[in-house]
Amino acid sequence: MLDIEVIEDPAAAEASLDPIRTRILQELVEPASATQLAVKVGLPRQKVNYHLKALERHGLVELVEERRKGNVTERVLRATAASYLISPVALASVAPDPRRFSDRFSAFWLLSLASRTVQEMGKLIAGAAVAKKKLASFAIDGEITFRSAAERAAFAEELGVAVTRLVDKYHDGGAAAQAGGARKHRLVVVLHPALKTTQASPEQPAEKDQSND
């Protein structure tokens, strides 16, 4: 079982978004039969079987074993991954293209880069799984509080200079390096406001602030 599977097939994406099938996938982190699932999700076994067949057809669940119970063969299934992420490839015709928003201050460009990252990492993870190799990657996630927009701009400028300096230091795009097995890597650095949540009252649900300041 994969930790995360990136879904690229539009039909598989559609199948996974059905609320009942999403619940079934959640339950199938541990192997189970249709009879066991029917109890957990509160549906007739025949209906659960219908959804299982659809999920299996799209490669989202897999057969673990078959058990013989009297005259009946019980199939035990498991989800192919603990979590799923739908790739923008599933919406290829309308997926964002980073080349359309090439502006480092554009939120749309940031989203386009994130979209491309999901696409590329999905293919890389799938390829690494087939090759049974570990995928070399690196990420940093953290939060920083700025006292003003001016400080945020200054930080972004210094960060850009530092990253450019490191790229200049380590990048080798020469023919000799490529011939020697050097491999190109993608570098994406993003900075955006963190979502703010307010304490919800019984009458007022929590709101998310998506402002730029």
C-alpha atoms as a PDB file:
ATOM      1  CA  MET A   1       0.000   0.000   0.000  1.00  0.00           C
ATOM      2  CA  LEU A   2       1.257   3.457  -0.927  1.00  0.00           C
ATOM      3  CA  ASP A   3       1.185   6.300   1.593  1.00  0.00           C
ATOM      4  CA  ILE A   4      -0.257   8.620  -1.057  1.00  0.00           C
ATOM      5  CA  GLU A   5      -1.537   7.783  -4.531  1.00  0.00           C
ATOM      6  CA  VAL A   6      -1.958  10.554  -7.091  1.00  0.00           C
ATOM      7  CA  ILE A   7      -5.000   9.932  -9.298  1.00  0.00           C
ATOM      8  CA  GLU A   8      -4.548  11.028 -12.904  1.00  0.00           C
ATOM      9  CA  ASP A   9      -7.357   9.180 -14.665  1.00  0.00           C
ATOM     10  CA  PRO A  10     -10.528  11.344 -14.864  1.00  0.00           C
ATOM     11  CA  ALA A  11     -12.829   8.320 -14.438  1.00  0.00           C
ATOM     12  CA  ALA A  12     -10.907   7.170 -11.364  1.00  0.00           C
ATOM     13  CA  ALA A  13     -11.072  10.702  -9.960  1.00  0.00           C
ATOM     14  CA  GLU A  14     -14.834  10.763 -10.483  1.00  0.00           C
ATOM     15  CA  ALA A  15     -15.191   7.369  -8.807  1.00  0.00           C
ATOM     16  CA  SER A  16     -13.153   8.437  -5.790  1.00  0.00           C
ATOM     17  CA  LEU A  17     -15.192  11.615  -5.224  1.00  0.00           C
ATOM     18  CA  ASP A  18     -18.432   9.754  -4.572  1.00  0.00           C
ATOM     19  CA  PRO A  19     -19.090  10.231  -0.812  1.00  0.00           C
ATOM     20  CA  ILE A  20     -19.890   6.567  -0.206  1.00  0.00           C
ATOM     21  CA  ARG A  21     -16.801   5.388  -2.091  1.00  0.00           C
ATOM     22  CA  THR A  22     -14.659   7.912  -0.228  1.00  0.00           C
ATOM     23  CA  ARG A  23     -15.909   6.387   3.043  1.00  0.00           C
ATOM     24  CA  ILE A  24     -15.200   2.879   1.743  1.00  0.00           C
ATOM     25  CA  LEU A  25     -11.649   3.868   0.772  1.00  0.00           C
ATOM     26  CA  GLN A  26     -11.179   5.319   4.248  1.00  0.00           C
ATOM     27  CA  GLU A  27     -12.320   2.074   5.863  1.00  0.00           C
ATOM     28  CA  LEU A  28     -10.187  -0.044   3.547  1.00  0.00           C
ATOM     29  CA  VAL A  29      -6.926   1.221   4.984  1.00  0.00           C
ATOM     30  CA  GLU A  30      -7.314  -2.128   6.760  1.00  0.00           C
ATOM     31  CA  PRO A  31      -8.367  -5.128   4.625  1.00  0.00           C
ATOM     32  CA  ALA A  32     -12.054  -5.994   4.834  1.00  0.00           C
ATOM     33  CA  SER A  33     -14.778  -7.920   3.022  1.00  0.00           C
ATOM     34  CA  ALA A  34     -18.010  -6.504   1.638  1.00  0.00           C
ATOM     35  CA  THR A  35     -19.869  -7.995   4.597  1.00  0.00           C
ATOM     36  CA  GLN A  36     -17.566  -6.285   7.100  1.00  0.00           C
ATOM     37  CA  LEU A  37     -17.762  -2.996   5.223  1.00  0.00           C
ATOM     38  CA  ALA A  38     -21.551  -3.134   5.085  1.00  0.00           C
ATOM     39  CA  VAL A  39     -21.658  -3.089   8.883  1.00  0.00           C
ATOM     40  CA  LYS A  40     -19.190  -0.191   9.101  1.00  0.00           C
ATOM     41  CA  VAL A  41     -20.836   2.060   6.511  1.00  0.00           C
ATOM     42  CA  GLY A  42     -24.434   1.056   7.241  1.00  0.00           C
ATOM     43  CA  LEU A  43     -25.345  -0.132   3.739  1.00  0.00           C
ATOM     44  CA  PRO A  44     -26.611  -3.448   2.320  1.00  0.00           C
ATOM     45  CA  ARG A  45     -23.798  -5.799   1.266  1.00  0.00           C
ATOM     46  CA  GLN A  46     -25.030  -5.795  -2.352  1.00  0.00           C
ATOM     47  CA  LYS A  47     -24.711  -2.012  -2.509  1.00  0.00           C
ATOM     48  CA  VAL A  48     -21.234  -2.129  -0.978  1.00  0.00           C
ATOM     49  CA  ASN A  49     -20.251  -4.750  -3.547  1.00  0.00           C
ATOM     50  CA  TYR A  50     -21.407  -2.443  -6.335  1.00  0.00           C
ATOM     51  CA  HIS A  51     -19.161   0.364  -5.101  1.00  0.00           C
ATOM     52  CA  LEU A  52     -16.248  -2.016  -4.503  1.00  0.00           C
ATOM     53  CA  LYS A  53     -16.409  -3.245  -8.080  1.00  0.00           C
ATOM     54  CA  ALA A  54     -16.282   0.338  -9.359  1.00  0.00           C
ATOM     55  CA  LEU A  55     -13.295   1.170  -7.158  1.00  0.00           C
ATOM     56  CA  GLU A  56     -11.512  -2.035  -8.142  1.00  0.00           C
ATOM     57  CA  ARG A  57     -12.165  -1.354 -11.817  1.00  0.00           C
ATOM     58  CA  HIS A  58     -10.351   1.975 -11.489  1.00  0.00           C
ATOM     59  CA  GLY A  59      -7.449   0.503  -9.542  1.00  0.00           C
ATOM     60  CA  LEU A  60      -8.278   2.161  -6.222  1.00  0.00           C
ATOM     61  CA  VAL A  61      -8.717  -1.076  -4.271  1.00  0.00           C
ATOM     62  CA  GLU A  62      -6.920  -4.404  -4.611  1.00  0.00           C
ATOM     63  CA  LEU A  63      -7.612  -8.013  -3.712  1.00  0.00           C
ATOM     64  CA  VAL A  64      -5.757  -9.223  -0.620  1.00  0.00           C
ATOM     65  CA  GLU A  65      -7.156 -12.732  -0.322  1.00  0.00           C
ATOM     66  CA  GLU A  66     -10.154 -14.956  -0.973  1.00  0.00           C
ATOM     67  CA  ARG A  67     -11.764 -16.933   1.850  1.00  0.00           C
ATOM     68  CA  ARG A  68     -13.999 -19.902   1.359  1.00  0.00           C
ATOM     69  CA  LYS A  69     -17.070 -19.857   3.610  1.00  0.00           C
ATOM     70  CA  GLY A  70     -19.333 -22.810   2.869  1.00  0.00           C
ATOM     71  CA  ASN A  71     -20.523 -22.396  -0.706  1.00  0.00           C
ATOM     72  CA  VAL A  72     -19.473 -18.764  -0.839  1.00  0.00           C
ATOM     73  CA  THR A  73     -16.073 -17.243  -1.651  1.00  0.00           C
ATOM     74  CA  GLU A  74     -15.507 -14.080   0.357  1.00  0.00           C
ATOM     75  CA  ARG A  75     -13.175 -11.514  -1.206  1.00  0.00           C
ATOM     76  CA  VAL A  76     -11.041  -9.398   1.129  1.00  0.00           C
ATOM     77  CA  LEU A  77      -9.997  -6.063  -0.347  1.00  0.00           C
ATOM     78  CA  ARG A  78      -7.758  -3.197   0.645  1.00  0.00           C
ATOM     79  CA  ALA A  79      -7.286   0.367  -0.613  1.00  0.00           C
ATOM     80  CA  THR A  80      -4.215   0.798  -2.808  1.00  0.00           C
ATOM     81  CA  ALA A  81      -3.138   3.799  -0.712  1.00  0.00           C
ATOM     82  CA  ALA A  82      -3.677   5.328   2.711  1.00  0.00           C
ATOM     83  CA  SER A  83      -4.472   8.701   1.105  1.00  0.00           C
ATOM     84  CA  TYR A  84      -5.383   9.933  -2.374  1.00  0.00           C
ATOM     85  CA  LEU A  85      -4.705  13.175  -4.207  1.00  0.00           C
ATOM     86  CA  ILE A  86      -6.323  14.069  -7.518  1.00  0.00           C
ATOM     87  CA  SER A  87      -3.791  15.396 -10.002  1.00  0.00           C
ATOM     88  CA  PRO A  88      -4.624  18.368 -12.243  1.00  0.00           C
ATOM     89  CA  VAL A  89      -3.830  15.913 -15.057  1.00  0.00           C
ATOM     90  CA  ALA A  90      -7.359  14.583 -14.484  1.00  0.00           C
ATOM     91  CA  LEU A  91      -8.543  17.990 -15.746  1.00  0.00           C
ATOM     92  CA  ALA A  92      -5.830  18.348 -18.359  1.00  0.00           C
ATOM     93  CA  SER A  93      -7.798  20.589 -20.707  1.00  0.00           C
ATOM     94  CA  VAL A  94      -8.393  23.190 -17.984  1.00  0.00           C
ATOM     95  CA  ALA A  95      -5.349  22.595 -15.742  1.00  0.00           C
ATOM     96  CA  PRO A  96      -3.369  25.767 -14.940  1.00  0.00           C
ATOM     97  CA  ASP A  97      -0.223  26.393 -16.967  1.00  0.00           C
ATOM     98  CA  PRO A  98       2.622  28.146 -15.062  1.00  0.00           C
ATOM     99  CA  ARG A  99       3.720  29.801 -18.311  1.00  0.00           C
ATOM    100  CA  ARG A 100       0.524  31.876 -18.326  1.00  0.00           C
ATOM    101  CA  PHE A 101       1.237  33.567 -14.981  1.00  0.00           C
ATOM    102  CA  SER A 102       5.022  33.994 -14.927  1.00  0.00           C
ATOM    103  CA  ASP A 103       5.032  36.631 -12.195  1.00  0.00           C
ATOM    104  CA  ARG A 104       6.653  35.827  -8.847  1.00  0.00           C
ATOM    105  CA  PHE A 105       4.143  38.048  -7.010  1.00  0.00           C
ATOM    106  CA  SER A 106       1.108  36.379  -8.603  1.00  0.00           C
ATOM    107  CA  ALA A 107      -0.992  34.081  -6.410  1.00  0.00           C
ATOM    108  CA  PHE A 108      -2.215  32.425  -9.608  1.00  0.00           C
ATOM    109  CA  TRP A 109       1.364  31.586 -10.546  1.00  0.00           C
ATOM    110  CA  LEU A 110       1.906  30.065  -7.097  1.00  0.00           C
ATOM    111  CA  LEU A 111      -1.161  27.861  -7.604  1.00  0.00           C
ATOM    112  CA  SER A 112       0.034  26.907 -11.080  1.00  0.00           C
ATOM    113  CA  LEU A 113       3.407  25.883  -9.668  1.00  0.00           C
ATOM    114  CA  ALA A 114       1.702  23.854  -6.962  1.00  0.00           C
ATOM    115  CA  SER A 115      -0.435  22.193  -9.624  1.00  0.00           C
ATOM    116  CA  ARG A 116       2.644  21.301 -11.654  1.00  0.00           C
ATOM    117  CA  THR A 117       4.338  19.957  -8.525  1.00  0.00           C
ATOM    118  CA  VAL A 118       1.420  17.590  -7.893  1.00  0.00           C
ATOM    119  CA  GLN A 119       1.518  16.404 -11.501  1.00  0.00           C
ATOM    120  CA  GLU A 120       5.259  15.822 -11.584  1.00  0.00           C
ATOM    121  CA  MET A 121       5.523  14.267  -8.121  1.00  0.00           C
ATOM    122  CA  GLY A 122       2.639  11.943  -8.912  1.00  0.00           C
ATOM    123  CA  LYS A 123       4.460  10.581 -11.942  1.00  0.00           C
ATOM    124  CA  LEU A 124       7.782  10.391 -10.063  1.00  0.00           C
ATOM    125  CA  ILE A 125       6.246   8.520  -7.121  1.00  0.00           C
ATOM    126  CA  ALA A 126       4.543   6.053  -9.456  1.00  0.00           C
ATOM    127  CA  GLY A 127       7.792   5.499 -11.348  1.00  0.00           C
ATOM    128  CA  ALA A 128       9.780   5.020  -8.141  1.00  0.00           C
ATOM    129  CA  ALA A 129       7.215   2.493  -6.896  1.00  0.00           C
ATOM    130  CA  VAL A 130       7.487   0.458 -10.108  1.00  0.00           C
ATOM    131  CA  ALA A 131      11.294   0.587  -9.975  1.00  0.00           C
ATOM    132  CA  LYS A 132      11.199  -0.166  -6.221  1.00  0.00           C
ATOM    133  CA  LYS A 133      13.498   2.756  -5.546  1.00  0.00           C
ATOM    134  CA  LYS A 134      13.348   5.577  -3.032  1.00  0.00           C
ATOM    135  CA  LEU A 135      12.533   8.951  -4.557  1.00  0.00           C
ATOM    136  CA  ALA A 136      15.045  11.648  -3.592  1.00  0.00           C
ATOM    137  CA  SER A 137      13.155  14.770  -2.547  1.00  0.00           C
ATOM    138  CA  PHE A 138      13.381  17.533   0.044  1.00  0.00           C
ATOM    139  CA  ALA A 139      10.881  19.993   1.473  1.00  0.00           C
ATOM    140  CA  ILE A 140      10.695  22.620   4.209  1.00  0.00           C
ATOM    141  CA  ASP A 141       7.448  23.752   5.822  1.00  0.00           C
ATOM    142  CA  GLY A 142       7.230  26.450   8.463  1.00  0.00           C
ATOM    143  CA  GLU A 143       5.631  29.717   9.505  1.00  0.00           C
ATOM    144  CA  ILE A 144       7.082  33.186   9.954  1.00  0.00           C
ATOM    145  CA  THR A 145       5.350  36.288  11.304  1.00  0.00           C
ATOM    146  CA  PHE A 146       6.173  39.693   9.803  1.00  0.00           C
ATOM    147  CA  ARG A 147       5.534  42.961  11.602  1.00  0.00           C
ATOM    148  CA  SER A 148       4.760  44.759   8.350  1.00  0.00           C
ATOM    149  CA  ALA A 149       4.316  44.283   4.620  1.00  0.00           C
ATOM    150  CA  ALA A 150       7.650  46.048   4.156  1.00  0.00           C
ATOM    151  CA  GLU A 151       9.446  43.440   6.264  1.00  0.00           C
ATOM    152  CA  ARG A 152       7.740  40.678   4.301  1.00  0.00           C
ATOM    153  CA  ALA A 153       8.932  42.232   1.030  1.00  0.00           C
ATOM    154  CA  ALA A 154      12.474  42.593   2.389  1.00  0.00           C
ATOM    155  CA  PHE A 155      12.486  38.962   3.495  1.00  0.00           C
ATOM    156  CA  ALA A 156      11.272  37.818   0.076  1.00  0.00           C
ATOM    157  CA  GLU A 157      14.006  39.826  -1.606  1.00  0.00           C
ATOM    158  CA  GLU A 158      16.758  38.422   0.643  1.00  0.00           C
ATOM    159  CA  LEU A 159      15.407  34.898   0.226  1.00  0.00           C
ATOM    160  CA  GLY A 160      15.476  35.285  -3.544  1.00  0.00           C
ATOM    161  CA  VAL A 161      19.087  36.481  -3.447  1.00  0.00           C
ATOM    162  CA  ALA A 162      20.126  33.601  -1.168  1.00  0.00           C
ATOM    163  CA  VAL A 163      18.439  30.982  -3.327  1.00  0.00           C
ATOM    164  CA  THR A 164      19.947  32.450  -6.497  1.00  0.00           C
ATOM    165  CA  ARG A 165      23.391  32.340  -4.886  1.00  0.00           C
ATOM    166  CA  LEU A 166      22.957  28.661  -3.996  1.00  0.00           C
ATOM    167  CA  VAL A 167      21.696  27.810  -7.474  1.00  0.00           C
ATOM    168  CA  ASP A 168      24.697  29.523  -9.041  1.00  0.00           C
ATOM    169  CA  LYS A 169      26.996  27.606  -6.682  1.00  0.00           C
ATOM    170  CA  TYR A 170      25.657  24.103  -7.295  1.00  0.00           C
ATOM    171  CA  HIS A 171      24.032  24.136 -10.735  1.00  0.00           C
ATOM    172  CA  ASP A 172      26.021  22.403 -13.463  1.00  0.00           C
ATOM    173  CA  GLY A 173      24.218  22.281 -16.774  1.00  0.00           C
ATOM    174  CA  GLY A 174      27.249  21.459 -18.866  1.00  0.00           C
ATOM    175  CA  ALA A 175      27.365  18.573 -21.312  1.00  0.00           C
ATOM    176  CA  ALA A 176      30.058  16.811 -19.260  1.00  0.00           C
ATOM    177  CA  ALA A 177      27.862  16.812 -16.156  1.00  0.00           C
ATOM    178  CA  GLN A 178      24.886  15.440 -18.067  1.00  0.00           C
ATOM    179  CA  ALA A 179      27.010  12.769 -19.689  1.00  0.00           C
ATOM    180  CA  GLY A 180      28.285  11.785 -16.245  1.00  0.00           C
ATOM    181  CA  GLY A 181      24.786  11.038 -14.980  1.00  0.00           C
ATOM    182  CA  ALA A 182      23.883  14.418 -13.483  1.00  0.00           C
ATOM    183  CA  ARG A 183      20.148  14.836 -13.059  1.00  0.00           C
ATOM    184  CA  LYS A 184      18.116  18.033 -13.246  1.00  0.00           C
ATOM    185  CA  HIS A 185      16.014  18.868 -10.185  1.00  0.00           C
ATOM    186  CA  ARG A 186      13.032  21.168  -9.784  1.00  0.00           C
ATOM    187  CA  LEU A 187      13.236  23.927  -7.153  1.00  0.00           C
ATOM    188  CA  VAL A 188      10.099  25.768  -6.045  1.00  0.00           C
ATOM    189  CA  VAL A 189      10.026  28.250  -3.152  1.00  0.00           C
ATOM    190  CA  VAL A 190       6.718  29.763  -2.048  1.00  0.00           C
ATOM    191  CA  LEU A 191       5.647  32.313   0.533  1.00  0.00           C
ATOM    192  CA  HIS A 192       2.001  33.055   1.231  1.00  0.00           C
ATOM    193  CA  PRO A 193      -0.201  34.214   4.121  1.00  0.00           C
ATOM    194  CA  ALA A 194      -1.286  31.498   6.542  1.00  0.00           C
ATOM    195  CA  LEU A 195      -5.010  30.959   6.902  1.00  0.00           C
ATOM    196  CA  LYS A 196      -6.419  32.499  10.063  1.00  0.00           C
ATOM    197  CA  THR A 197      -9.252  30.829  11.951  1.00  0.00           C
ATOM    198  CA  THR A 198     -11.429  32.629  14.472  1.00  0.00           C
ATOM    199  CA  GLN A 199     -13.097  31.009  17.453  1.00  0.00           C
ATOM    200  CA  ALA A 200     -16.522  29.866  16.310  1.00  0.00           C
ATOM    201  CA  SER A 201     -19.605  30.648  18.372  1.00  0.00           C
ATOM    202  CA  PRO A 202     -22.710  28.397  18.264  1.00  0.00           C
ATOM    203  CA  GLU A 203     -24.348  30.844  15.866  1.00  0.00           C
ATOM    204  CA  GLN A 204     -21.251  31.876  13.899  1.00  0.00           C
ATOM    205  CA  PRO A 205     -19.019  29.299  12.116  1.00  0.00           C
ATOM    206  CA  ALA A 206     -15.258  29.815  11.981  1.00  0.00           C
ATOM    207  CA  GLU A 207     -14.097  32.023   9.141  1.00  0.00           C
ATOM    208  CA  LYS A 208     -10.924  31.777   7.142  1.00  0.00           C
ATOM    209  CA  ASP A 209      -9.026  34.927   6.283  1.00  0.00           C
ATOM    210  CA  GLN A 210      -7.421  34.750   2.873  1.00  0.00           C
ATOM    211  CA  SER A 211      -6.273  38.360   2.695  1.00  0.00           C
ATOM    212  CA  ASN A 212      -2.804  39.218   1.486  1.00  0.00           C
ATOM    213  CA  ASP A 213      -1.771  41.253   4.537  1.00  0.00           C
END
